[in-house]
Amino acid sequence: MSVLSQVKLPMVICNPTELASEINQRLPYQNGSVPSGPSSAALWVEPLADTWEAELINISRTLSPGALLVTIVSQPAARLLPERRGWIGSPLGFQLGGLNQLRRALARAGFNLTASYGIHTASAIGFSLLSQLVERLGRADLGDRLHFAASLHYCSTRSMAGLAMVALLFARREPAS
């Protein structure tokens, strides 16, 4: 949000309506709105299996060369979150190979992937659960250390990123050739 807040009118596509008000607090927008002219940035939250290809075409037509596209994709582990269970739609990231399919499509649509992160990784979850357990056993000192370890592992760019709850992709629109 901090990167996109500096853009005058970023394009925003937020598929889960449950997140729209949260995003609007940080980045005022109208969901699915297309700026009147080329935009220098876009936020795409939760591409859906049924509509992502059409949305990507819309995004690639709207973004000017050099524009930033930030994409937030739930991965299969996100199914474990109680608040996620009630959301409607079929997220592309829940599909086997969905995230890789999106990465390839971004490249074909003229986007250069500049960064990819896994947020809320499996190791962070493990450290956090272990922290809670040892605190209940009366070892607040160990619990605090494990909680700190969880925060250090919250975001990853390495192999654990694939086991994270959410993928965060940053891509730049390449100039037309």
C-alpha atoms as a PDB file:
ATOM      1  CA  MET A   1       0.000   0.000   0.000  1.00  0.00           C
ATOM      2  CA  SER A   2       2.844   2.388   0.766  1.00  0.00           C
ATOM      3  CA  VAL A   3       4.247   1.975  -2.739  1.00  0.00           C
ATOM      4  CA  LEU A   4       0.853   2.519  -4.379  1.00  0.00           C
ATOM      5  CA  SER A   5      -0.215   5.388  -2.115  1.00  0.00           C
ATOM      6  CA  GLN A   6       2.165   7.663  -3.981  1.00  0.00           C
ATOM      7  CA  VAL A   7       0.371   7.050  -7.276  1.00  0.00           C
ATOM      8  CA  LYS A   8      -2.366   9.572  -8.078  1.00  0.00           C
ATOM      9  CA  LEU A   9      -5.031   7.130  -9.330  1.00  0.00           C
ATOM     10  CA  PRO A  10      -3.881   3.516  -9.276  1.00  0.00           C
ATOM     11  CA  MET A  11      -6.065   0.918 -10.903  1.00  0.00           C
ATOM     12  CA  VAL A  12      -7.459  -1.450  -8.266  1.00  0.00           C
ATOM     13  CA  ILE A  13      -9.119  -4.807  -8.788  1.00  0.00           C
ATOM     14  CA  CYS A  14     -10.145  -6.372  -5.485  1.00  0.00           C
ATOM     15  CA  ASN A  15     -12.053  -9.610  -5.956  1.00  0.00           C
ATOM     16  CA  PRO A  16     -12.860 -10.497  -2.347  1.00  0.00           C
ATOM     17  CA  THR A  17     -15.460  -7.962  -1.271  1.00  0.00           C
ATOM     18  CA  GLU A  18     -14.436  -8.721   2.321  1.00  0.00           C
ATOM     19  CA  LEU A  19     -11.170  -6.818   1.722  1.00  0.00           C
ATOM     20  CA  ALA A  20     -12.550  -3.839  -0.194  1.00  0.00           C
ATOM     21  CA  SER A  21     -13.157  -1.612   2.834  1.00  0.00           C
ATOM     22  CA  GLU A  22      -9.739  -2.425   4.284  1.00  0.00           C
ATOM     23  CA  ILE A  23      -8.016  -1.511   1.028  1.00  0.00           C
ATOM     24  CA  ASN A  24     -10.129   1.619   0.653  1.00  0.00           C
ATOM     25  CA  GLN A  25      -8.948   2.833   4.084  1.00  0.00           C
ATOM     26  CA  ARG A  26      -5.373   2.838   2.852  1.00  0.00           C
ATOM     27  CA  LEU A  27      -5.860   3.477  -0.848  1.00  0.00           C
ATOM     28  CA  PRO A  28      -9.094   5.219  -1.879  1.00  0.00           C
ATOM     29  CA  TYR A  29     -10.483   3.678  -5.069  1.00  0.00           C
ATOM     30  CA  GLN A  30     -13.572   2.362  -6.759  1.00  0.00           C
ATOM     31  CA  ASN A  31     -13.365  -1.390  -7.171  1.00  0.00           C
ATOM     32  CA  GLY A  32     -12.755  -2.405 -10.760  1.00  0.00           C
ATOM     33  CA  SER A  33     -12.550   1.221 -11.830  1.00  0.00           C
ATOM     34  CA  VAL A  34     -10.342   2.018 -14.747  1.00  0.00           C
ATOM     35  CA  PRO A  35      -8.565   5.368 -14.694  1.00  0.00           C
ATOM     36  CA  SER A  36      -9.522   7.683 -17.566  1.00  0.00           C
ATOM     37  CA  GLY A  37      -6.038   7.466 -19.057  1.00  0.00           C
ATOM     38  CA  PRO A  38      -3.046   5.189 -18.730  1.00  0.00           C
ATOM     39  CA  SER A  39      -2.239   4.432 -15.115  1.00  0.00           C
ATOM     40  CA  SER A  40       1.219   4.213 -13.595  1.00  0.00           C
ATOM     41  CA  ALA A  41       0.281   1.465 -11.116  1.00  0.00           C
ATOM     42  CA  ALA A  42      -2.269  -1.202 -10.282  1.00  0.00           C
ATOM     43  CA  LEU A  43      -3.198  -3.384  -7.338  1.00  0.00           C
ATOM     44  CA  TRP A  44      -4.750  -6.750  -8.158  1.00  0.00           C
ATOM     45  CA  VAL A  45      -6.080  -8.619  -5.141  1.00  0.00           C
ATOM     46  CA  GLU A  46      -6.966 -12.293  -5.433  1.00  0.00           C
ATOM     47  CA  PRO A  47      -7.207 -13.162  -9.130  1.00  0.00           C
ATOM     48  CA  LEU A  48     -10.051 -15.664  -9.540  1.00  0.00           C
ATOM     49  CA  ALA A  49      -9.833 -18.817 -11.639  1.00  0.00           C
ATOM     50  CA  ASP A  50     -12.878 -17.789 -13.701  1.00  0.00           C
ATOM     51  CA  THR A  51     -11.963 -14.165 -14.467  1.00  0.00           C
ATOM     52  CA  TRP A  52      -8.220 -13.654 -14.110  1.00  0.00           C
ATOM     53  CA  GLU A  53      -7.395 -13.829 -17.811  1.00  0.00           C
ATOM     54  CA  ALA A  54      -9.903 -11.093 -18.725  1.00  0.00           C
ATOM     55  CA  GLU A  55      -8.715  -8.995 -15.779  1.00  0.00           C
ATOM     56  CA  LEU A  56      -5.096  -9.353 -16.899  1.00  0.00           C
ATOM     57  CA  ILE A  57      -6.019  -8.155 -20.397  1.00  0.00           C
ATOM     58  CA  ASN A  58      -7.789  -5.161 -18.848  1.00  0.00           C
ATOM     59  CA  ILE A  59      -4.794  -4.410 -16.621  1.00  0.00           C
ATOM     60  CA  SER A  60      -2.269  -4.681 -19.445  1.00  0.00           C
ATOM     61  CA  ARG A  61      -4.349  -2.324 -21.615  1.00  0.00           C
ATOM     62  CA  THR A  62      -4.627   0.236 -18.810  1.00  0.00           C
ATOM     63  CA  LEU A  63      -1.078   0.340 -17.473  1.00  0.00           C
ATOM     64  CA  SER A  64       1.456   2.541 -19.194  1.00  0.00           C
ATOM     65  CA  PRO A  65       4.974   1.266 -19.973  1.00  0.00           C
ATOM     66  CA  GLY A  66       7.057   1.122 -16.805  1.00  0.00           C
ATOM     67  CA  ALA A  67       3.947   0.936 -14.603  1.00  0.00           C
ATOM     68  CA  LEU A  68       3.983  -1.187 -11.469  1.00  0.00           C
ATOM     69  CA  LEU A  69       1.561  -4.081 -10.950  1.00  0.00           C
ATOM     70  CA  VAL A  70       1.257  -5.456  -7.415  1.00  0.00           C
ATOM     71  CA  THR A  71      -0.620  -8.754  -7.229  1.00  0.00           C
ATOM     72  CA  ILE A  72      -1.748 -10.469  -4.022  1.00  0.00           C
ATOM     73  CA  VAL A  73      -2.557 -14.174  -4.448  1.00  0.00           C
ATOM     74  CA  SER A  74      -3.795 -16.540  -1.737  1.00  0.00           C
ATOM     75  CA  GLN A  75      -2.045 -19.879  -1.875  1.00  0.00           C
ATOM     76  CA  PRO A  76      -3.501 -23.269  -0.820  1.00  0.00           C
ATOM     77  CA  ALA A  77      -2.362 -22.887   2.821  1.00  0.00           C
ATOM     78  CA  ALA A  78      -4.715 -19.881   3.133  1.00  0.00           C
ATOM     79  CA  ARG A  79      -7.642 -22.324   3.162  1.00  0.00           C
ATOM     80  CA  LEU A  80      -6.712 -22.985   6.798  1.00  0.00           C
ATOM     81  CA  LEU A  81      -7.615 -19.435   7.854  1.00  0.00           C
ATOM     82  CA  PRO A  82     -11.094 -19.390   9.436  1.00  0.00           C
ATOM     83  CA  GLU A  83     -11.930 -15.932   8.046  1.00  0.00           C
ATOM     84  CA  ARG A  84     -11.000 -17.089   4.519  1.00  0.00           C
ATOM     85  CA  ARG A  85     -13.486 -19.973   4.445  1.00  0.00           C
ATOM     86  CA  GLY A  86     -16.565 -17.796   3.893  1.00  0.00           C
ATOM     87  CA  TRP A  87     -15.227 -15.889   0.896  1.00  0.00           C
ATOM     88  CA  ILE A  88     -16.911 -16.572  -2.413  1.00  0.00           C
ATOM     89  CA  GLY A  89     -15.114 -17.267  -5.659  1.00  0.00           C
ATOM     90  CA  SER A  90     -12.433 -19.717  -6.679  1.00  0.00           C
ATOM     91  CA  PRO A  91      -8.995 -18.131  -6.202  1.00  0.00           C
ATOM     92  CA  LEU A  92      -6.479 -18.887  -8.929  1.00  0.00           C
ATOM     93  CA  GLY A  93      -3.815 -19.448  -6.258  1.00  0.00           C
ATOM     94  CA  PHE A  94      -5.815 -22.347  -4.788  1.00  0.00           C
ATOM     95  CA  GLN A  95      -5.587 -24.215  -8.105  1.00  0.00           C
ATOM     96  CA  LEU A  96      -2.703 -26.635  -8.627  1.00  0.00           C
ATOM     97  CA  GLY A  97      -0.064 -24.636 -10.515  1.00  0.00           C
ATOM     98  CA  GLY A  98      -2.252 -21.514 -10.502  1.00  0.00           C
ATOM     99  CA  LEU A  99       0.484 -19.158  -9.306  1.00  0.00           C
ATOM    100  CA  ASN A 100       2.948 -20.448 -11.910  1.00  0.00           C
ATOM    101  CA  GLN A 101       0.255 -20.116 -14.575  1.00  0.00           C
ATOM    102  CA  LEU A 102      -0.206 -16.480 -13.536  1.00  0.00           C
ATOM    103  CA  ARG A 103       3.540 -15.804 -13.632  1.00  0.00           C
ATOM    104  CA  ARG A 104       3.788 -17.164 -17.186  1.00  0.00           C
ATOM    105  CA  ALA A 105       0.740 -15.157 -18.274  1.00  0.00           C
ATOM    106  CA  LEU A 106       2.215 -11.967 -16.797  1.00  0.00           C
ATOM    107  CA  ALA A 107       5.346 -12.479 -18.904  1.00  0.00           C
ATOM    108  CA  ARG A 108       3.266 -13.101 -22.048  1.00  0.00           C
ATOM    109  CA  ALA A 109       1.241  -9.936 -21.307  1.00  0.00           C
ATOM    110  CA  GLY A 110       4.410  -7.832 -21.227  1.00  0.00           C
ATOM    111  CA  PHE A 111       5.165  -7.736 -17.510  1.00  0.00           C
ATOM    112  CA  ASN A 112       8.604  -8.306 -16.031  1.00  0.00           C
ATOM    113  CA  LEU A 113       8.401  -9.929 -12.584  1.00  0.00           C
ATOM    114  CA  THR A 114      10.733  -7.872 -10.377  1.00  0.00           C
ATOM    115  CA  ALA A 115      10.035  -9.448  -6.969  1.00  0.00           C
ATOM    116  CA  SER A 116       8.100 -12.347  -5.471  1.00  0.00           C
ATOM    117  CA  TYR A 117       7.441 -12.905  -1.776  1.00  0.00           C
ATOM    118  CA  GLY A 118       5.739 -15.475   0.380  1.00  0.00           C
ATOM    119  CA  ILE A 119       3.867 -13.846   3.252  1.00  0.00           C
ATOM    120  CA  HIS A 120       2.888 -15.682   6.455  1.00  0.00           C
ATOM    121  CA  THR A 121       5.203 -18.612   5.806  1.00  0.00           C
ATOM    122  CA  ALA A 122       4.916 -22.114   7.205  1.00  0.00           C
ATOM    123  CA  SER A 123       8.019 -21.588   9.348  1.00  0.00           C
ATOM    124  CA  ALA A 124       6.536 -18.399  10.856  1.00  0.00           C
ATOM    125  CA  ILE A 125       3.345 -20.286  11.680  1.00  0.00           C
ATOM    126  CA  GLY A 126       5.362 -23.127  13.248  1.00  0.00           C
ATOM    127  CA  PHE A 127       7.445 -20.775  15.396  1.00  0.00           C
ATOM    128  CA  SER A 128       4.319 -18.913  16.488  1.00  0.00           C
ATOM    129  CA  LEU A 129       2.474 -22.094  17.496  1.00  0.00           C
ATOM    130  CA  LEU A 130       5.545 -23.358  19.338  1.00  0.00           C
ATOM    131  CA  SER A 131       5.841 -19.984  21.089  1.00  0.00           C
ATOM    132  CA  GLN A 132       2.265 -20.232  22.338  1.00  0.00           C
ATOM    133  CA  LEU A 133       2.841 -23.781  23.570  1.00  0.00           C
ATOM    134  CA  VAL A 134       5.988 -23.033  25.567  1.00  0.00           C
ATOM    135  CA  GLU A 135       4.381 -19.914  27.057  1.00  0.00           C
ATOM    136  CA  ARG A 136       1.474 -22.058  28.298  1.00  0.00           C
ATOM    137  CA  LEU A 137       4.047 -24.401  29.833  1.00  0.00           C
ATOM    138  CA  GLY A 138       5.443 -21.485  31.836  1.00  0.00           C
ATOM    139  CA  ARG A 139       8.434 -20.623  29.676  1.00  0.00           C
ATOM    140  CA  ALA A 140       7.628 -17.049  28.670  1.00  0.00           C
ATOM    141  CA  ASP A 141      11.334 -16.430  28.017  1.00  0.00           C
ATOM    142  CA  LEU A 142      11.447 -19.140  25.327  1.00  0.00           C
ATOM    143  CA  GLY A 143       8.033 -18.103  24.030  1.00  0.00           C
ATOM    144  CA  ASP A 144       9.293 -14.576  23.495  1.00  0.00           C
ATOM    145  CA  ARG A 145      12.331 -15.810  21.556  1.00  0.00           C
ATOM    146  CA  LEU A 146      10.185 -18.078  19.414  1.00  0.00           C
ATOM    147  CA  HIS A 147       7.736 -15.244  18.767  1.00  0.00           C
ATOM    148  CA  PHE A 148      10.673 -13.109  17.595  1.00  0.00           C
ATOM    149  CA  ALA A 149      11.843 -15.970  15.342  1.00  0.00           C
ATOM    150  CA  ALA A 150       8.322 -16.153  13.871  1.00  0.00           C
ATOM    151  CA  SER A 151       8.435 -12.462  12.967  1.00  0.00           C
ATOM    152  CA  LEU A 152      11.820 -12.919  11.286  1.00  0.00           C
ATOM    153  CA  HIS A 153      10.365 -15.676   9.092  1.00  0.00           C
ATOM    154  CA  TYR A 154       7.047 -13.967   8.285  1.00  0.00           C
ATOM    155  CA  CYS A 155       8.158 -13.054   4.754  1.00  0.00           C
ATOM    156  CA  SER A 156      10.335 -15.163   2.483  1.00  0.00           C
ATOM    157  CA  THR A 157      11.744 -15.105  -1.009  1.00  0.00           C
ATOM    158  CA  ARG A 158      13.274 -18.554  -0.773  1.00  0.00           C
ATOM    159  CA  SER A 159      11.884 -22.075  -1.008  1.00  0.00           C
ATOM    160  CA  MET A 160       9.509 -21.548   1.953  1.00  0.00           C
ATOM    161  CA  ALA A 161       7.667 -18.885  -0.071  1.00  0.00           C
ATOM    162  CA  GLY A 162       5.766 -21.643  -1.854  1.00  0.00           C
ATOM    163  CA  LEU A 163       4.338 -22.822   1.468  1.00  0.00           C
ATOM    164  CA  ALA A 164       3.222 -19.366   2.539  1.00  0.00           C
ATOM    165  CA  MET A 165      -0.403 -18.316   2.940  1.00  0.00           C
ATOM    166  CA  VAL A 166      -0.085 -15.493   0.416  1.00  0.00           C
ATOM    167  CA  ALA A 167       2.123 -14.666  -2.559  1.00  0.00           C
ATOM    168  CA  LEU A 168       2.986 -11.044  -3.275  1.00  0.00           C
ATOM    169  CA  LEU A 169       4.176 -10.330  -6.812  1.00  0.00           C
ATOM    170  CA  PHE A 170       5.697  -7.098  -8.123  1.00  0.00           C
ATOM    171  CA  ALA A 171       5.893  -6.688 -11.901  1.00  0.00           C
ATOM    172  CA  ARG A 172       6.684  -3.805 -14.261  1.00  0.00           C
ATOM    173  CA  ARG A 173       4.923  -3.235 -17.569  1.00  0.00           C
ATOM    174  CA  GLU A 174       7.535  -3.464 -20.290  1.00  0.00           C
ATOM    175  CA  PRO A 175       7.540  -0.974 -23.149  1.00  0.00           C
ATOM    176  CA  ALA A 176       5.796  -2.249 -26.280  1.00  0.00           C
ATOM    177  CA  SER A 177       8.257  -3.692 -28.772  1.00  0.00           C
END
